[in-house]
Amino acid sequence: MLKKQKVKFYTLFILLLSIIFLSLFNVSSYAFGDPKLITKINSAFESIEGWLLKIATPAAAVAVGTGIFMKKFSFGDEERIRMGKKIINGSLFSYAFILAIDLILSAIKSLIN
């Protein structure tokens, strides 16, 4: 009994999701351009992306500087040297990841337009 209810629930759930998903791709949305709400949301995301890139550069510089100073003033403590290396590697990796995401998004945007 319980298994039949689960099967009915999952089929109904998948059916509703597919109807919602397919309704997003109707022809009228392509014919009339973007609605004003979508344009505002796109511009909001672009401004957020710009702010994140502006904040990421100084944050990465501060993190690398902190790691360098931690290594420099460790006075032979192996744990602090290891921690400084981890901070430097992590911050450089994170900054490179943010720049790569920006590059990928701009490439996708140029392909769409």
N, C-alpha and C. Protein backbone atom coordinates (compact mmCIF):
# COMPACT_ATOMS: atom_id res chain seq x y z
N MET A 1 0.82 -1.19 0.00
CA MET A 1 0.00 0.00 0.00
C MET A 1 0.87 1.25 0.00
N LEU A 2 1.87 1.27 0.87
CA LEU A 2 2.72 2.43 0.99
C LEU A 2 3.56 2.64 -0.27
N LYS A 3 3.99 1.55 -0.90
CA LYS A 3 4.79 1.64 -2.11
C LYS A 3 3.99 2.24 -3.26
N LYS A 4 2.71 1.91 -3.38
CA LYS A 4 1.87 2.47 -4.42
C LYS A 4 1.68 3.96 -4.21
N GLN A 5 1.56 4.40 -2.97
CA GLN A 5 1.42 5.83 -2.70
C GLN A 5 2.69 6.58 -3.06
N LYS A 6 3.84 5.98 -2.80
CA LYS A 6 5.10 6.62 -3.17
C LYS A 6 5.23 6.75 -4.67
N VAL A 7 4.85 5.70 -5.38
CA VAL A 7 4.93 5.73 -6.84
C VAL A 7 4.00 6.80 -7.40
N LYS A 8 2.79 6.88 -6.88
CA LYS A 8 1.86 7.90 -7.33
C LYS A 8 2.38 9.29 -7.02
N PHE A 9 2.96 9.47 -5.84
CA PHE A 9 3.49 10.77 -5.46
C PHE A 9 4.63 11.17 -6.38
N TYR A 10 5.56 10.25 -6.64
CA TYR A 10 6.71 10.58 -7.49
C TYR A 10 6.28 10.87 -8.92
N THR A 11 5.32 10.10 -9.45
CA THR A 11 4.87 10.39 -10.81
C THR A 11 4.16 11.73 -10.89
N LEU A 12 3.36 12.06 -9.91
CA LEU A 12 2.70 13.36 -9.87
C LEU A 12 3.72 14.48 -9.73
N PHE A 13 4.72 14.27 -8.89
CA PHE A 13 5.77 15.27 -8.68
C PHE A 13 6.56 15.51 -9.96
N ILE A 14 6.95 14.44 -10.64
CA ILE A 14 7.70 14.57 -11.89
C ILE A 14 6.84 15.22 -12.97
N LEU A 15 5.57 14.88 -13.02
CA LEU A 15 4.66 15.49 -13.99
C LEU A 15 4.54 16.99 -13.75
N LEU A 16 4.37 17.38 -12.51
CA LEU A 16 4.25 18.81 -12.20
C LEU A 16 5.55 19.55 -12.50
N LEU A 17 6.67 18.96 -12.16
CA LEU A 17 7.95 19.60 -12.47
C LEU A 17 8.17 19.75 -13.97
N SER A 18 7.80 18.74 -14.73
CA SER A 18 7.98 18.83 -16.17
C SER A 18 7.05 19.88 -16.77
N ILE A 19 5.83 20.01 -16.27
CA ILE A 19 4.93 21.04 -16.77
C ILE A 19 5.48 22.42 -16.45
N ILE A 20 5.98 22.61 -15.24
CA ILE A 20 6.55 23.90 -14.87
C ILE A 20 7.79 24.19 -15.71
N PHE A 21 8.64 23.19 -15.89
CA PHE A 21 9.87 23.38 -16.67
C PHE A 21 9.56 23.70 -18.12
N LEU A 22 8.61 23.00 -18.71
CA LEU A 22 8.28 23.23 -20.11
C LEU A 22 7.54 24.54 -20.32
N SER A 23 6.83 25.00 -19.30
CA SER A 23 6.13 26.27 -19.45
C SER A 23 7.10 27.45 -19.45
N LEU A 24 8.31 27.23 -18.96
CA LEU A 24 9.30 28.31 -18.99
C LEU A 24 9.82 28.56 -20.40
N PHE A 25 9.71 27.55 -21.26
CA PHE A 25 10.26 27.66 -22.60
C PHE A 25 9.17 27.82 -23.66
N ASN A 26 8.23 28.68 -23.41
CA ASN A 26 7.20 28.87 -24.42
C ASN A 26 7.67 29.87 -25.46
N VAL A 27 7.05 29.89 -26.61
CA VAL A 27 7.48 30.69 -27.75
C VAL A 27 7.26 32.18 -27.49
N SER A 28 6.26 32.55 -26.75
CA SER A 28 5.97 33.96 -26.55
C SER A 28 7.07 34.68 -25.79
N SER A 29 7.80 33.97 -24.94
CA SER A 29 8.88 34.62 -24.20
C SER A 29 10.04 34.96 -25.13
N TYR A 30 10.21 34.22 -26.22
CA TYR A 30 11.28 34.53 -27.15
C TYR A 30 10.87 35.62 -28.13
N ALA A 31 9.61 35.72 -28.43
CA ALA A 31 9.15 36.65 -29.46
C ALA A 31 9.12 38.09 -28.97
N PHE A 32 8.85 38.31 -27.70
CA PHE A 32 8.65 39.66 -27.22
C PHE A 32 9.84 40.21 -26.43
N GLY A 33 10.94 39.50 -26.31
CA GLY A 33 12.09 39.98 -25.58
C GLY A 33 11.97 39.72 -24.08
N ASP A 34 12.90 40.27 -23.35
CA ASP A 34 12.91 40.07 -21.91
C ASP A 34 11.92 41.00 -21.22
N PRO A 35 11.20 40.51 -20.25
CA PRO A 35 10.33 41.39 -19.46
C PRO A 35 11.17 42.34 -18.61
N LYS A 36 10.54 43.37 -18.08
CA LYS A 36 11.27 44.36 -17.29
C LYS A 36 11.87 43.75 -16.03
N LEU A 37 11.16 42.82 -15.42
CA LEU A 37 11.65 42.20 -14.20
C LEU A 37 12.94 41.43 -14.46
N ILE A 38 13.00 40.71 -15.58
CA ILE A 38 14.19 39.95 -15.93
C ILE A 38 15.35 40.90 -16.19
N THR A 39 15.08 42.01 -16.86
CA THR A 39 16.13 42.98 -17.13
C THR A 39 16.67 43.56 -15.83
N LYS A 40 15.78 43.86 -14.88
CA LYS A 40 16.23 44.39 -13.59
C LYS A 40 17.03 43.35 -12.82
N ILE A 41 16.60 42.11 -12.87
CA ILE A 41 17.33 41.05 -12.17
C ILE A 41 18.70 40.84 -12.78
N ASN A 42 18.77 40.86 -14.11
CA ASN A 42 20.06 40.70 -14.79
C ASN A 42 21.01 41.83 -14.43
N SER A 43 20.50 43.05 -14.42
CA SER A 43 21.38 44.18 -14.08
C SER A 43 21.79 44.11 -12.61
N ALA A 44 20.90 43.63 -11.74
CA ALA A 44 21.26 43.48 -10.33
C ALA A 44 22.37 42.45 -10.16
N PHE A 45 22.26 41.32 -10.86
CA PHE A 45 23.29 40.30 -10.76
C PHE A 45 24.63 40.80 -11.32
N GLU A 46 24.57 41.59 -12.38
CA GLU A 46 25.80 42.14 -12.95
C GLU A 46 26.46 43.10 -11.98
N SER A 47 25.67 43.91 -11.28
CA SER A 47 26.28 44.83 -10.31
C SER A 47 26.84 44.06 -9.11
N ILE A 48 26.15 43.00 -8.68
CA ILE A 48 26.67 42.18 -7.58
C ILE A 48 27.98 41.51 -8.00
N GLU A 49 28.03 41.04 -9.23
CA GLU A 49 29.24 40.41 -9.74
C GLU A 49 30.40 41.41 -9.76
N GLY A 50 30.11 42.64 -10.17
CA GLY A 50 31.14 43.67 -10.18
C GLY A 50 31.66 43.98 -8.78
N TRP A 51 30.75 44.07 -7.82
CA TRP A 51 31.16 44.34 -6.44
C TRP A 51 31.99 43.18 -5.89
N LEU A 52 31.60 41.96 -6.19
CA LEU A 52 32.37 40.81 -5.69
C LEU A 52 33.78 40.79 -6.25
N LEU A 53 33.93 41.16 -7.53
CA LEU A 53 35.26 41.20 -8.11
C LEU A 53 36.08 42.33 -7.51
N LYS A 54 35.43 43.46 -7.20
CA LYS A 54 36.15 44.57 -6.58
C LYS A 54 36.58 44.24 -5.16
N ILE A 55 35.79 43.46 -4.46
CA ILE A 55 36.12 43.09 -3.09
C ILE A 55 37.12 41.93 -3.05
N ALA A 56 37.09 41.05 -4.05
CA ALA A 56 37.93 39.85 -4.03
C ALA A 56 39.41 40.18 -4.14
N THR A 57 39.76 41.20 -4.91
CA THR A 57 41.18 41.52 -5.09
C THR A 57 41.85 41.97 -3.80
N PRO A 58 41.30 42.97 -3.08
CA PRO A 58 41.95 43.33 -1.82
C PRO A 58 41.88 42.23 -0.76
N ALA A 59 40.80 41.46 -0.78
CA ALA A 59 40.68 40.37 0.19
C ALA A 59 41.77 39.32 -0.05
N ALA A 60 42.03 39.01 -1.30
CA ALA A 60 43.09 38.04 -1.61
C ALA A 60 44.46 38.61 -1.24
N ALA A 61 44.66 39.90 -1.47
CA ALA A 61 45.93 40.52 -1.11
C ALA A 61 46.15 40.50 0.40
N VAL A 62 45.12 40.80 1.16
CA VAL A 62 45.23 40.76 2.62
C VAL A 62 45.50 39.34 3.10
N ALA A 63 44.84 38.36 2.52
CA ALA A 63 45.05 36.98 2.93
C ALA A 63 46.47 36.51 2.61
N VAL A 64 46.97 36.87 1.42
CA VAL A 64 48.34 36.48 1.07
C VAL A 64 49.33 37.19 1.99
N GLY A 65 49.10 38.47 2.25
CA GLY A 65 49.98 39.20 3.17
C GLY A 65 49.97 38.60 4.56
N THR A 66 48.80 38.20 5.04
CA THR A 66 48.71 37.57 6.35
C THR A 66 49.49 36.26 6.38
N GLY A 67 49.37 35.48 5.32
CA GLY A 67 50.12 34.22 5.24
C GLY A 67 51.62 34.44 5.20
N ILE A 68 52.04 35.47 4.46
CA ILE A 68 53.47 35.77 4.37
C ILE A 68 54.00 36.21 5.73
N PHE A 69 53.25 37.11 6.39
CA PHE A 69 53.69 37.55 7.71
C PHE A 69 53.67 36.41 8.73
N MET A 70 52.72 35.51 8.60
CA MET A 70 52.66 34.38 9.51
C MET A 70 53.88 33.48 9.32
N LYS A 71 54.28 33.28 8.06
CA LYS A 71 55.47 32.48 7.80
C LYS A 71 56.73 33.21 8.27
N LYS A 72 56.77 34.52 8.01
CA LYS A 72 57.96 35.31 8.34
C LYS A 72 58.19 35.38 9.84
N PHE A 73 57.13 35.59 10.60
CA PHE A 73 57.26 35.76 12.04
C PHE A 73 56.87 34.49 12.82
N SER A 74 57.12 33.35 12.22
CA SER A 74 56.81 32.10 12.92
C SER A 74 57.88 31.71 13.92
N PHE A 75 59.09 32.24 13.73
CA PHE A 75 60.22 31.95 14.60
C PHE A 75 60.47 30.45 14.73
N GLY A 76 60.38 29.75 13.61
CA GLY A 76 60.71 28.33 13.57
C GLY A 76 59.59 27.40 13.98
N ASP A 77 58.42 27.91 14.30
CA ASP A 77 57.30 27.05 14.68
C ASP A 77 56.73 26.40 13.42
N GLU A 78 56.83 25.08 13.37
CA GLU A 78 56.40 24.34 12.17
C GLU A 78 54.91 24.51 11.88
N GLU A 79 54.10 24.56 12.92
CA GLU A 79 52.65 24.68 12.74
C GLU A 79 52.29 26.02 12.10
N ARG A 80 52.95 27.09 12.53
CA ARG A 80 52.66 28.41 11.94
C ARG A 80 53.14 28.49 10.50
N ILE A 81 54.26 27.87 10.20
CA ILE A 81 54.75 27.86 8.81
C ILE A 81 53.76 27.12 7.93
N ARG A 82 53.29 25.97 8.39
CA ARG A 82 52.31 25.19 7.65
C ARG A 82 51.01 25.97 7.47
N MET A 83 50.57 26.64 8.54
CA MET A 83 49.34 27.42 8.48
C MET A 83 49.50 28.59 7.50
N GLY A 84 50.65 29.25 7.50
CA GLY A 84 50.90 30.34 6.56
C GLY A 84 50.86 29.86 5.12
N LYS A 85 51.47 28.71 4.86
CA LYS A 85 51.44 28.15 3.50
C LYS A 85 50.02 27.81 3.08
N LYS A 86 49.23 27.25 4.01
CA LYS A 86 47.84 26.93 3.69
C LYS A 86 47.03 28.17 3.38
N ILE A 87 47.26 29.24 4.14
CA ILE A 87 46.52 30.49 3.90
C ILE A 87 46.89 31.07 2.54
N ILE A 88 48.17 31.07 2.21
CA ILE A 88 48.61 31.61 0.92
C ILE A 88 48.03 30.78 -0.22
N ASN A 89 48.17 29.47 -0.15
CA ASN A 89 47.67 28.60 -1.23
C ASN A 89 46.15 28.70 -1.36
N GLY A 90 45.45 28.71 -0.24
CA GLY A 90 43.99 28.79 -0.29
C GLY A 90 43.49 30.11 -0.85
N SER A 91 44.14 31.20 -0.46
CA SER A 91 43.68 32.50 -0.97
C SER A 91 43.98 32.65 -2.46
N LEU A 92 45.14 32.19 -2.91
CA LEU A 92 45.46 32.27 -4.34
C LEU A 92 44.53 31.38 -5.16
N PHE A 93 44.24 30.19 -4.65
CA PHE A 93 43.32 29.29 -5.35
C PHE A 93 41.93 29.91 -5.43
N SER A 94 41.46 30.48 -4.33
CA SER A 94 40.13 31.09 -4.31
C SER A 94 40.05 32.27 -5.27
N TYR A 95 41.08 33.10 -5.29
CA TYR A 95 41.08 34.25 -6.19
C TYR A 95 41.12 33.80 -7.65
N ALA A 96 41.92 32.78 -7.94
CA ALA A 96 41.96 32.25 -9.31
C ALA A 96 40.62 31.65 -9.70
N PHE A 97 39.95 31.01 -8.76
CA PHE A 97 38.63 30.43 -9.02
C PHE A 97 37.61 31.52 -9.32
N ILE A 98 37.65 32.62 -8.58
CA ILE A 98 36.73 33.74 -8.82
C ILE A 98 36.98 34.35 -10.19
N LEU A 99 38.24 34.53 -10.55
CA LEU A 99 38.56 35.08 -11.88
C LEU A 99 38.17 34.12 -13.00
N ALA A 100 38.32 32.82 -12.77
CA ALA A 100 37.93 31.84 -13.79
C ALA A 100 36.42 31.84 -13.98
N ILE A 101 35.67 31.96 -12.89
CA ILE A 101 34.22 32.02 -13.01
C ILE A 101 33.79 33.26 -13.78
N ASP A 102 34.45 34.39 -13.51
CA ASP A 102 34.13 35.62 -14.25
C ASP A 102 34.44 35.45 -15.73
N LEU A 103 35.55 34.81 -16.05
CA LEU A 103 35.91 34.57 -17.45
C LEU A 103 34.90 33.66 -18.14
N ILE A 104 34.46 32.61 -17.46
CA ILE A 104 33.49 31.68 -18.03
C ILE A 104 32.15 32.37 -18.25
N LEU A 105 31.71 33.17 -17.26
CA LEU A 105 30.44 33.89 -17.41
C LEU A 105 30.48 34.90 -18.54
N SER A 106 31.59 35.60 -18.70
CA SER A 106 31.67 36.56 -19.80
C SER A 106 31.73 35.84 -21.15
N ALA A 107 32.34 34.67 -21.21
CA ALA A 107 32.36 33.90 -22.45
C ALA A 107 30.96 33.41 -22.80
N ILE A 108 30.21 32.95 -21.81
CA ILE A 108 28.84 32.52 -22.06
C ILE A 108 27.98 33.68 -22.49
N LYS A 109 28.19 34.83 -21.86
CA LYS A 109 27.41 36.01 -22.22
C LYS A 109 27.69 36.46 -23.64
N SER A 110 28.96 36.35 -24.07
CA SER A 110 29.29 36.74 -25.44
C SER A 110 28.72 35.74 -26.46
N LEU A 111 28.61 34.47 -26.07
CA LEU A 111 28.01 33.49 -26.97
C LEU A 111 26.50 33.69 -27.11
N ILE A 112 25.86 34.13 -26.02
CA ILE A 112 24.41 34.34 -26.07
C ILE A 112 24.07 35.55 -26.93
N ASN A 113 24.84 36.61 -26.77
CA ASN A 113 24.56 37.85 -27.54
C ASN A 113 25.10 37.82 -28.89
